[in-house]
N, C-alpha and C. Protein backbone atom coordinates (compact mmCIF):
# COMPACT_ATOMS: atom_id res chain seq x y z
N UNK A 1 95.83 -56.23 176.24
CA UNK A 1 94.58 -55.60 176.58
C UNK A 1 94.50 -55.31 178.07
N UNK A 2 95.59 -55.58 178.80
CA UNK A 2 95.66 -55.30 180.22
C UNK A 2 95.44 -53.81 180.45
N UNK A 3 94.54 -53.48 181.35
CA UNK A 3 94.27 -52.09 181.65
C UNK A 3 93.28 -51.43 180.71
N UNK A 4 92.87 -52.16 179.69
CA UNK A 4 91.94 -51.61 178.70
C UNK A 4 90.61 -51.27 179.35
N UNK A 5 90.22 -52.09 180.35
CA UNK A 5 88.95 -51.85 181.02
C UNK A 5 88.99 -50.61 181.91
N UNK A 6 90.16 -50.08 182.16
CA UNK A 6 90.27 -48.87 182.98
C UNK A 6 90.11 -47.60 182.14
N UNK A 7 90.19 -47.74 180.85
CA UNK A 7 90.00 -46.59 179.97
C UNK A 7 88.50 -46.26 179.94
N UNK A 8 88.13 -45.02 180.23
CA UNK A 8 86.70 -44.70 180.21
C UNK A 8 86.14 -44.84 178.79
N UNK A 9 84.88 -45.26 178.72
CA UNK A 9 84.25 -45.43 177.42
C UNK A 9 84.13 -44.10 176.68
N UNK A 10 83.68 -43.08 177.39
CA UNK A 10 83.50 -41.75 176.78
C UNK A 10 84.74 -40.90 176.98
N UNK A 11 85.04 -40.06 176.04
CA UNK A 11 86.08 -39.04 176.21
C UNK A 11 85.43 -37.90 176.98
N UNK A 12 85.81 -37.70 178.23
CA UNK A 12 85.06 -36.76 179.09
C UNK A 12 84.85 -35.38 178.49
N UNK A 13 85.87 -34.74 178.02
CA UNK A 13 85.70 -33.38 177.49
C UNK A 13 84.93 -33.35 176.19
N UNK A 14 85.28 -34.25 175.29
CA UNK A 14 84.64 -34.26 173.97
C UNK A 14 83.19 -34.73 174.05
N UNK A 15 82.91 -35.74 174.85
CA UNK A 15 81.54 -36.26 174.95
C UNK A 15 80.60 -35.21 175.52
N UNK A 16 81.11 -34.41 176.44
CA UNK A 16 80.29 -33.36 177.05
C UNK A 16 79.85 -32.32 176.02
N UNK A 17 80.64 -32.14 174.98
CA UNK A 17 80.32 -31.16 173.94
C UNK A 17 79.63 -31.83 172.75
N UNK A 18 80.22 -32.92 172.26
CA UNK A 18 79.77 -33.52 171.00
C UNK A 18 78.45 -34.28 171.11
N UNK A 19 78.20 -34.97 172.21
CA UNK A 19 76.96 -35.74 172.32
C UNK A 19 75.72 -34.85 172.39
N UNK A 20 75.72 -33.78 173.19
CA UNK A 20 74.56 -32.88 173.13
C UNK A 20 74.41 -32.23 171.75
N UNK A 21 75.54 -31.89 171.12
CA UNK A 21 75.47 -31.31 169.77
C UNK A 21 74.86 -32.31 168.79
N UNK A 22 75.24 -33.59 168.91
CA UNK A 22 74.68 -34.62 168.04
C UNK A 22 73.19 -34.78 168.30
N UNK A 23 72.78 -34.77 169.56
CA UNK A 23 71.36 -34.88 169.89
C UNK A 23 70.55 -33.72 169.34
N UNK A 24 71.06 -32.51 169.52
CA UNK A 24 70.37 -31.33 168.99
C UNK A 24 70.32 -31.35 167.46
N UNK A 25 71.43 -31.75 166.85
CA UNK A 25 71.46 -31.82 165.39
C UNK A 25 70.45 -32.84 164.88
N UNK A 26 70.39 -34.01 165.52
CA UNK A 26 69.45 -35.03 165.08
C UNK A 26 68.01 -34.54 165.27
N UNK A 27 67.74 -33.88 166.38
CA UNK A 27 66.40 -33.34 166.61
C UNK A 27 66.04 -32.31 165.54
N UNK A 28 66.97 -31.43 165.21
CA UNK A 28 66.73 -30.45 164.15
C UNK A 28 66.55 -31.14 162.80
N UNK A 29 67.35 -32.16 162.55
CA UNK A 29 67.27 -32.91 161.30
C UNK A 29 65.89 -33.54 161.13
N UNK A 30 65.39 -34.18 162.18
CA UNK A 30 64.09 -34.84 162.12
C UNK A 30 62.97 -33.79 162.01
N UNK A 31 63.09 -32.70 162.77
CA UNK A 31 62.07 -31.66 162.74
C UNK A 31 61.99 -30.99 161.37
N UNK A 32 63.11 -30.51 160.88
CA UNK A 32 63.13 -29.81 159.59
C UNK A 32 62.77 -30.77 158.46
N UNK A 33 63.26 -32.00 158.56
CA UNK A 33 62.99 -32.98 157.51
C UNK A 33 61.54 -33.41 157.42
N UNK A 34 60.76 -33.15 158.45
CA UNK A 34 59.37 -33.55 158.43
C UNK A 34 58.39 -32.38 158.35
N UNK A 35 58.90 -31.18 158.13
CA UNK A 35 58.01 -30.04 157.91
C UNK A 35 57.44 -30.13 156.51
N UNK A 36 56.14 -29.93 156.37
CA UNK A 36 55.51 -30.07 155.05
C UNK A 36 56.15 -29.15 154.01
N UNK A 37 56.54 -29.73 152.90
CA UNK A 37 57.09 -28.96 151.78
C UNK A 37 58.57 -28.67 151.89
N UNK A 38 59.08 -28.43 153.09
CA UNK A 38 60.48 -28.04 153.25
C UNK A 38 61.43 -29.16 152.85
N UNK A 39 61.13 -30.38 153.27
CA UNK A 39 61.99 -31.52 152.95
C UNK A 39 62.08 -31.71 151.44
N UNK A 40 60.95 -31.62 150.76
CA UNK A 40 60.99 -31.82 149.30
C UNK A 40 61.69 -30.66 148.60
N UNK A 41 61.52 -29.44 149.11
CA UNK A 41 62.23 -28.28 148.53
C UNK A 41 63.74 -28.43 148.70
N UNK A 42 64.17 -28.86 149.89
CA UNK A 42 65.60 -29.05 150.13
C UNK A 42 66.14 -30.19 149.28
N UNK A 43 65.38 -31.26 149.15
CA UNK A 43 65.81 -32.39 148.32
C UNK A 43 65.96 -31.97 146.87
N UNK A 44 65.02 -31.16 146.39
CA UNK A 44 65.10 -30.68 145.01
C UNK A 44 66.31 -29.78 144.80
N UNK A 45 66.59 -28.94 145.79
CA UNK A 45 67.70 -27.99 145.66
C UNK A 45 69.07 -28.65 145.79
N UNK A 46 69.22 -29.58 146.72
CA UNK A 46 70.54 -30.13 147.02
C UNK A 46 70.71 -31.61 146.67
N UNK A 47 69.61 -32.31 146.52
CA UNK A 47 69.68 -33.75 146.27
C UNK A 47 69.46 -34.50 147.56
N UNK A 48 68.48 -35.38 147.56
CA UNK A 48 68.09 -36.10 148.77
C UNK A 48 69.24 -36.90 149.36
N UNK A 49 69.93 -37.66 148.53
CA UNK A 49 71.00 -38.53 149.05
C UNK A 49 72.19 -37.70 149.52
N UNK A 50 72.47 -36.59 148.86
CA UNK A 50 73.57 -35.71 149.31
C UNK A 50 73.28 -35.16 150.71
N UNK A 51 72.03 -34.79 150.94
CA UNK A 51 71.65 -34.29 152.27
C UNK A 51 71.83 -35.37 153.32
N UNK A 52 71.41 -36.60 152.98
CA UNK A 52 71.59 -37.71 153.92
C UNK A 52 73.07 -37.96 154.19
N UNK A 53 73.88 -37.98 153.13
CA UNK A 53 75.31 -38.23 153.30
C UNK A 53 75.97 -37.18 154.19
N UNK A 54 75.66 -35.92 153.94
CA UNK A 54 76.28 -34.84 154.72
C UNK A 54 75.82 -34.87 156.17
N UNK A 55 74.52 -35.01 156.39
CA UNK A 55 73.98 -34.98 157.75
C UNK A 55 74.50 -36.15 158.58
N UNK A 56 74.48 -37.34 158.01
CA UNK A 56 74.87 -38.51 158.79
C UNK A 56 76.39 -38.65 158.92
N UNK A 57 77.14 -38.08 158.01
CA UNK A 57 78.60 -38.01 158.17
C UNK A 57 78.93 -37.09 159.34
N UNK A 58 78.24 -35.98 159.44
CA UNK A 58 78.45 -35.05 160.55
C UNK A 58 78.10 -35.70 161.88
N UNK A 59 76.95 -36.38 161.95
CA UNK A 59 76.56 -37.09 163.16
C UNK A 59 77.60 -38.15 163.54
N UNK A 60 78.08 -38.87 162.55
CA UNK A 60 79.10 -39.91 162.80
C UNK A 60 80.35 -39.29 163.41
N UNK A 61 80.78 -38.18 162.85
CA UNK A 61 81.97 -37.51 163.37
C UNK A 61 81.80 -37.08 164.82
N UNK A 62 80.65 -36.53 165.15
CA UNK A 62 80.41 -36.11 166.53
C UNK A 62 80.44 -37.29 167.49
N UNK A 63 79.82 -38.38 167.10
CA UNK A 63 79.80 -39.55 167.99
C UNK A 63 81.18 -40.18 168.07
N UNK A 64 81.86 -40.30 166.95
CA UNK A 64 83.21 -40.87 166.91
C UNK A 64 84.15 -40.12 167.86
N UNK A 65 84.09 -38.82 167.82
CA UNK A 65 84.98 -38.00 168.66
C UNK A 65 84.65 -38.09 170.14
N UNK A 66 83.48 -38.60 170.48
CA UNK A 66 83.05 -38.69 171.87
C UNK A 66 83.47 -39.97 172.57
N UNK A 67 83.97 -40.95 171.80
CA UNK A 67 84.18 -42.29 172.33
C UNK A 67 85.66 -42.62 172.39
N UNK A 68 86.10 -43.23 173.51
CA UNK A 68 87.47 -43.70 173.67
C UNK A 68 87.67 -45.11 173.14
N UNK A 69 86.76 -46.01 173.50
CA UNK A 69 86.90 -47.42 173.15
C UNK A 69 86.00 -47.78 171.98
N UNK A 70 86.60 -48.31 170.94
CA UNK A 70 85.88 -48.71 169.72
C UNK A 70 85.01 -47.59 169.17
N UNK A 71 85.60 -46.44 168.88
CA UNK A 71 84.79 -45.32 168.40
C UNK A 71 84.14 -45.59 167.05
N UNK A 72 84.83 -46.31 166.19
CA UNK A 72 84.27 -46.59 164.87
C UNK A 72 83.03 -47.45 164.94
N UNK A 73 83.11 -48.53 165.70
CA UNK A 73 81.97 -49.44 165.84
C UNK A 73 80.81 -48.73 166.54
N UNK A 74 81.12 -48.00 167.58
CA UNK A 74 80.08 -47.28 168.32
C UNK A 74 79.38 -46.26 167.42
N UNK A 75 80.16 -45.48 166.69
CA UNK A 75 79.58 -44.46 165.81
C UNK A 75 78.76 -45.10 164.70
N UNK A 76 79.28 -46.17 164.12
CA UNK A 76 78.56 -46.84 163.03
C UNK A 76 77.23 -47.41 163.52
N UNK A 77 77.24 -48.07 164.66
CA UNK A 77 76.00 -48.63 165.20
C UNK A 77 75.01 -47.55 165.62
N UNK A 78 75.51 -46.51 166.27
CA UNK A 78 74.62 -45.42 166.72
C UNK A 78 73.98 -44.70 165.54
N UNK A 79 74.77 -44.41 164.52
CA UNK A 79 74.23 -43.69 163.37
C UNK A 79 73.29 -44.57 162.57
N UNK A 80 73.57 -45.86 162.50
CA UNK A 80 72.64 -46.78 161.83
C UNK A 80 71.29 -46.78 162.55
N UNK A 81 71.34 -46.81 163.88
CA UNK A 81 70.10 -46.78 164.67
C UNK A 81 69.37 -45.45 164.49
N UNK A 82 70.11 -44.34 164.49
CA UNK A 82 69.48 -43.03 164.28
C UNK A 82 68.87 -42.93 162.89
N UNK A 83 69.54 -43.48 161.88
CA UNK A 83 68.99 -43.48 160.53
C UNK A 83 67.70 -44.28 160.45
N UNK A 84 67.69 -45.44 161.11
CA UNK A 84 66.48 -46.26 161.13
C UNK A 84 65.35 -45.54 161.88
N UNK A 85 65.69 -44.87 162.97
CA UNK A 85 64.70 -44.10 163.72
C UNK A 85 64.13 -42.97 162.86
N UNK A 86 65.00 -42.26 162.16
CA UNK A 86 64.58 -41.18 161.28
C UNK A 86 63.62 -41.69 160.21
N UNK A 87 63.97 -42.80 159.58
CA UNK A 87 63.10 -43.35 158.53
C UNK A 87 61.78 -43.84 159.10
N UNK A 88 61.80 -44.41 160.28
CA UNK A 88 60.55 -44.89 160.87
C UNK A 88 59.66 -43.71 161.28
N UNK A 89 60.23 -42.61 161.74
CA UNK A 89 59.46 -41.42 162.08
C UNK A 89 58.78 -40.88 160.82
N UNK A 90 59.49 -40.91 159.70
CA UNK A 90 58.90 -40.41 158.45
C UNK A 90 57.66 -41.18 158.04
N UNK A 91 57.60 -42.44 158.41
CA UNK A 91 56.45 -43.26 158.00
C UNK A 91 55.16 -42.82 158.69
N UNK A 92 55.24 -42.00 159.76
CA UNK A 92 54.05 -41.53 160.45
C UNK A 92 53.43 -40.30 159.79
N UNK A 93 54.12 -39.69 158.86
CA UNK A 93 53.62 -38.49 158.20
C UNK A 93 53.07 -38.85 156.83
N UNK A 94 51.85 -38.41 156.51
CA UNK A 94 51.25 -38.81 155.23
C UNK A 94 51.98 -38.24 154.00
N UNK A 95 52.66 -37.14 154.15
CA UNK A 95 53.36 -36.52 153.04
C UNK A 95 54.83 -36.97 152.96
N UNK A 96 55.24 -37.88 153.82
CA UNK A 96 56.61 -38.43 153.81
C UNK A 96 56.52 -39.94 153.67
N UNK A 97 57.61 -40.54 153.28
CA UNK A 97 57.66 -42.00 153.24
C UNK A 97 59.05 -42.47 153.62
N UNK A 98 59.08 -43.58 154.34
CA UNK A 98 60.36 -44.17 154.70
C UNK A 98 60.97 -44.77 153.44
N UNK A 99 62.28 -44.62 153.30
CA UNK A 99 62.97 -45.11 152.11
C UNK A 99 64.20 -45.90 152.53
N UNK A 100 64.25 -47.15 152.13
CA UNK A 100 65.38 -48.01 152.46
C UNK A 100 66.68 -47.45 151.88
N UNK A 101 66.62 -46.83 150.71
CA UNK A 101 67.83 -46.25 150.10
C UNK A 101 68.36 -45.08 150.92
N UNK A 102 67.47 -44.35 151.58
CA UNK A 102 67.92 -43.28 152.48
C UNK A 102 68.69 -43.88 153.66
N UNK A 103 68.18 -44.97 154.21
CA UNK A 103 68.88 -45.64 155.31
C UNK A 103 70.24 -46.15 154.84
N UNK A 104 70.30 -46.70 153.64
CA UNK A 104 71.60 -47.14 153.10
C UNK A 104 72.56 -45.98 152.91
N UNK A 105 72.04 -44.82 152.51
CA UNK A 105 72.89 -43.62 152.38
C UNK A 105 73.41 -43.20 153.75
N UNK A 106 72.56 -43.28 154.77
CA UNK A 106 72.98 -42.94 156.13
C UNK A 106 74.10 -43.86 156.62
N UNK A 107 73.91 -45.15 156.40
CA UNK A 107 74.91 -46.13 156.84
C UNK A 107 76.20 -46.00 156.02
N UNK A 108 76.07 -45.71 154.74
CA UNK A 108 77.25 -45.51 153.89
C UNK A 108 78.04 -44.29 154.35
N UNK A 109 77.33 -43.23 154.68
CA UNK A 109 78.00 -42.02 155.18
C UNK A 109 78.75 -42.32 156.47
N UNK A 110 78.10 -43.09 157.35
CA UNK A 110 78.75 -43.46 158.61
C UNK A 110 79.99 -44.29 158.35
N UNK A 111 79.89 -45.27 157.47
CA UNK A 111 81.04 -46.12 157.17
C UNK A 111 82.20 -45.34 156.57
N UNK A 112 81.91 -44.49 155.60
CA UNK A 112 82.97 -43.69 154.97
C UNK A 112 83.61 -42.73 155.97
N UNK A 113 82.80 -42.17 156.84
CA UNK A 113 83.33 -41.23 157.84
C UNK A 113 84.21 -41.96 158.85
N UNK A 114 83.77 -43.12 159.30
CA UNK A 114 84.57 -43.91 160.25
C UNK A 114 85.90 -44.29 159.62
N UNK A 115 85.89 -44.75 158.39
CA UNK A 115 87.14 -45.12 157.71
C UNK A 115 88.06 -43.91 157.59
N UNK A 116 87.51 -42.79 157.19
CA UNK A 116 88.31 -41.57 157.05
C UNK A 116 88.90 -41.13 158.38
N UNK A 117 88.09 -41.18 159.43
CA UNK A 117 88.59 -40.77 160.75
C UNK A 117 89.62 -41.75 161.29
N UNK A 118 89.46 -43.03 161.02
CA UNK A 118 90.47 -44.02 161.44
C UNK A 118 91.80 -43.75 160.73
N UNK A 119 91.74 -43.52 159.44
CA UNK A 119 92.96 -43.24 158.68
C UNK A 119 93.60 -41.95 159.17
N UNK A 120 92.79 -40.92 159.37
CA UNK A 120 93.32 -39.64 159.85
C UNK A 120 93.92 -39.75 161.23
N UNK A 121 93.27 -40.49 162.11
CA UNK A 121 93.78 -40.68 163.46
C UNK A 121 95.10 -41.44 163.45
N UNK A 122 95.17 -42.48 162.64
CA UNK A 122 96.41 -43.27 162.54
C UNK A 122 97.54 -42.42 161.96
N UNK A 123 97.22 -41.64 160.93
CA UNK A 123 98.25 -40.80 160.31
C UNK A 123 98.73 -39.73 161.29
N UNK A 124 97.80 -39.15 162.03
CA UNK A 124 98.18 -38.12 162.99
C UNK A 124 99.02 -38.72 164.12
N UNK A 125 98.65 -39.92 164.58
CA UNK A 125 99.43 -40.60 165.61
C UNK A 125 100.84 -40.92 165.14
N UNK A 126 100.97 -41.36 163.89
CA UNK A 126 102.29 -41.64 163.34
C UNK A 126 103.11 -40.37 163.21
N UNK A 127 102.47 -39.29 162.79
CA UNK A 127 103.16 -38.02 162.64
C UNK A 127 103.66 -37.54 163.99
N UNK A 128 102.82 -37.64 165.02
CA UNK A 128 103.24 -37.22 166.36
C UNK A 128 104.40 -38.06 166.88
N UNK A 129 104.37 -39.37 166.60
CA UNK A 129 105.46 -40.24 167.05
C UNK A 129 106.76 -39.89 166.38
N UNK A 130 106.72 -39.56 165.12
CA UNK A 130 107.94 -39.22 164.37
C UNK A 130 108.47 -37.87 164.82
N UNK A 131 107.60 -36.91 165.06
CA UNK A 131 108.07 -35.56 165.42
C UNK A 131 108.52 -35.46 166.87
N UNK A 132 108.14 -36.42 167.73
CA UNK A 132 108.60 -36.41 169.12
C UNK A 132 110.07 -36.75 169.23
N UNK A 133 110.55 -37.61 168.35
CA UNK A 133 111.94 -38.07 168.47
C UNK A 133 112.93 -37.14 167.83
């Protein structure tokens, strides 16, 4: 682990792009999700849990790609916090309700995305090592 502390926490190029994109996406997600009628129409058309899985998997990917050190843990914790924030915001609207199962869907999406990205990163690293020689 010598020199590990010299590695920057954020990936400079990726964080500059992905973190603002994640912030804007989350803002749009919360705004659109709390517009009267629109959230229920979208849930009816696509399925509430599917929307949560897709949205929070995308957020996880953006955060994961922004981090150098412990990207999986960072993305999982950040997305769990964003999911909890989203559900708590919903409790302020009379036509919405916070749902623990939605939060579980958000965390599940984050976990599955982190696992997939870890496997993909490891496979890509192995492929690069083999093709260099």
